[in-house]
Amino acid sequence: MIKDVLLKDLTDYFEMRRQCVQQETETPELAALLLQKYGYGMASAIDIVFVGLEDLKPKVNIMKIVDSLVSMIDPEWKQHGHL
């Protein structure tokens, strides 16, 4: 349940960034960086909230999902200097 809510929030944010790129209000590089910062922040918050409660921690690798979504917006994100 928590996992589903997290993934929904992350994909909603991805869609907002993708639409900004399509509307040309953001460059792919900026949109990818914003998405990456948002997703990595989410992953960090999950680690903080669930510290010591590994049994309750959502079983999802947010970092891999974030990197995958980032590459959908900016396929060359690694070369553009993102984390």
C-alpha atoms as a PDB file:
ATOM      1  CA  MET A   1       0.000   0.000   0.000  1.00  0.00           C
ATOM      2  CA  ILE A   2       2.730   2.494   0.936  1.00  0.00           C
ATOM      3  CA  LYS A   3       4.689   1.330  -2.087  1.00  0.00           C
ATOM      4  CA  ASP A   4       1.743   2.040  -4.389  1.00  0.00           C
ATOM      5  CA  VAL A   5       1.270   5.551  -2.989  1.00  0.00           C
ATOM      6  CA  LEU A   6       4.991   6.328  -3.366  1.00  0.00           C
ATOM      7  CA  LEU A   7       5.105   5.083  -6.938  1.00  0.00           C
ATOM      8  CA  LYS A   8       1.939   7.008  -7.835  1.00  0.00           C
ATOM      9  CA  ASP A   9       3.395  10.219  -6.416  1.00  0.00           C
ATOM     10  CA  LEU A  10       6.668   9.682  -8.254  1.00  0.00           C
ATOM     11  CA  THR A  11       4.996   8.926 -11.582  1.00  0.00           C
ATOM     12  CA  ASP A  12       2.688  11.943 -11.179  1.00  0.00           C
ATOM     13  CA  TYR A  13       5.738  14.164 -10.681  1.00  0.00           C
ATOM     14  CA  PHE A  14       7.395  12.530 -13.700  1.00  0.00           C
ATOM     15  CA  GLU A  15       4.334  13.334 -15.815  1.00  0.00           C
ATOM     16  CA  MET A  16       4.419  16.996 -14.727  1.00  0.00           C
ATOM     17  CA  ARG A  17       8.075  17.299 -15.700  1.00  0.00           C
ATOM     18  CA  ARG A  18       7.492  15.488 -19.002  1.00  0.00           C
ATOM     19  CA  GLN A  19       4.623  17.823 -19.871  1.00  0.00           C
ATOM     20  CA  CYS A  20       6.817  20.842 -19.142  1.00  0.00           C
ATOM     21  CA  VAL A  21       9.378  19.499 -21.590  1.00  0.00           C
ATOM     22  CA  GLN A  22       6.690  18.907 -24.223  1.00  0.00           C
ATOM     23  CA  GLN A  23       5.375  22.454 -23.719  1.00  0.00           C
ATOM     24  CA  GLU A  24       8.959  23.728 -23.909  1.00  0.00           C
ATOM     25  CA  THR A  25       8.720  25.484 -20.544  1.00  0.00           C
ATOM     26  CA  GLU A  26      11.634  23.372 -19.265  1.00  0.00           C
ATOM     27  CA  THR A  27      14.604  21.829 -20.985  1.00  0.00           C
ATOM     28  CA  PRO A  28      14.937  18.056 -20.739  1.00  0.00           C
ATOM     29  CA  GLU A  29      18.080  18.599 -18.669  1.00  0.00           C
ATOM     30  CA  LEU A  30      16.281  20.777 -16.103  1.00  0.00           C
ATOM     31  CA  ALA A  31      13.216  18.537 -15.929  1.00  0.00           C
ATOM     32  CA  ALA A  32      15.416  15.466 -15.438  1.00  0.00           C
ATOM     33  CA  LEU A  33      17.410  17.178 -12.694  1.00  0.00           C
ATOM     34  CA  LEU A  34      14.239  18.282 -10.879  1.00  0.00           C
ATOM     35  CA  LEU A  35      12.817  14.763 -11.106  1.00  0.00           C
ATOM     36  CA  GLN A  36      16.043  13.254  -9.869  1.00  0.00           C
ATOM     37  CA  LYS A  37      16.256  15.607  -6.891  1.00  0.00           C
ATOM     38  CA  TYR A  38      12.602  14.949  -6.033  1.00  0.00           C
ATOM     39  CA  GLY A  39      12.966  11.176  -6.275  1.00  0.00           C
ATOM     40  CA  TYR A  40      16.252  10.998  -4.402  1.00  0.00           C
ATOM     41  CA  GLY A  41      14.740  13.195  -1.687  1.00  0.00           C
ATOM     42  CA  MET A  42      11.820  10.787  -1.471  1.00  0.00           C
ATOM     43  CA  ALA A  43      14.217   7.855  -1.120  1.00  0.00           C
ATOM     44  CA  SER A  44      16.134   9.659   1.618  1.00  0.00           C
ATOM     45  CA  ALA A  45      12.920  10.464   3.495  1.00  0.00           C
ATOM     46  CA  ILE A  46      11.851   6.820   3.320  1.00  0.00           C
ATOM     47  CA  ASP A  47      15.173   5.766   4.836  1.00  0.00           C
ATOM     48  CA  ILE A  48      14.781   8.316   7.646  1.00  0.00           C
ATOM     49  CA  VAL A  49      11.165   7.475   8.446  1.00  0.00           C
ATOM     50  CA  PHE A  50      11.709   3.734   8.450  1.00  0.00           C
ATOM     51  CA  VAL A  51      15.082   3.677  10.241  1.00  0.00           C
ATOM     52  CA  GLY A  52      15.142   0.577  12.404  1.00  0.00           C
ATOM     53  CA  LEU A  53      11.851  -0.620  10.969  1.00  0.00           C
ATOM     54  CA  GLU A  54      13.100  -2.625   8.007  1.00  0.00           C
ATOM     55  CA  ASP A  55      10.109  -4.971   8.195  1.00  0.00           C
ATOM     56  CA  LEU A  56       7.773  -2.045   7.473  1.00  0.00           C
ATOM     57  CA  LYS A  57       9.932  -0.311   4.866  1.00  0.00           C
ATOM     58  CA  PRO A  58       8.342  -0.364   1.389  1.00  0.00           C
ATOM     59  CA  LYS A  59      10.003  -3.007  -0.763  1.00  0.00           C
ATOM     60  CA  VAL A  60      10.824  -0.797  -3.715  1.00  0.00           C
ATOM     61  CA  ASN A  61      14.110   0.563  -4.985  1.00  0.00           C
ATOM     62  CA  ILE A  62      13.181   4.207  -5.504  1.00  0.00           C
ATOM     63  CA  MET A  63      16.658   5.135  -6.779  1.00  0.00           C
ATOM     64  CA  LYS A  64      16.480   2.678  -9.692  1.00  0.00           C
ATOM     65  CA  ILE A  65      12.972   3.815 -10.583  1.00  0.00           C
ATOM     66  CA  VAL A  66      14.033   7.469 -10.432  1.00  0.00           C
ATOM     67  CA  ASP A  67      17.032   6.839 -12.680  1.00  0.00           C
ATOM     68  CA  SER A  68      14.805   5.006 -15.142  1.00  0.00           C
ATOM     69  CA  LEU A  69      12.255   7.839 -15.259  1.00  0.00           C
ATOM     70  CA  VAL A  70      15.013  10.455 -15.511  1.00  0.00           C
ATOM     71  CA  SER A  71      16.458   8.655 -18.533  1.00  0.00           C
ATOM     72  CA  MET A  72      13.030   8.770 -20.197  1.00  0.00           C
ATOM     73  CA  ILE A  73      13.130  12.575 -20.010  1.00  0.00           C
ATOM     74  CA  ASP A  74      16.851  13.055 -20.676  1.00  0.00           C
ATOM     75  CA  PRO A  75      18.543   9.959 -22.117  1.00  0.00           C
ATOM     76  CA  GLU A  76      21.936  11.641 -21.696  1.00  0.00           C
ATOM     77  CA  TRP A  77      21.421  12.639 -18.058  1.00  0.00           C
ATOM     78  CA  LYS A  78      24.649  11.025 -16.894  1.00  0.00           C
ATOM     79  CA  GLN A  79      26.661  13.104 -19.354  1.00  0.00           C
ATOM     80  CA  HIS A  80      24.825  16.275 -18.269  1.00  0.00           C
ATOM     81  CA  GLY A  81      26.307  16.039 -14.803  1.00  0.00           C
ATOM     82  CA  HIS A  82      23.325  14.863 -12.804  1.00  0.00           C
ATOM     83  CA  LEU A  83      24.155  12.844  -9.731  1.00  0.00           C
END
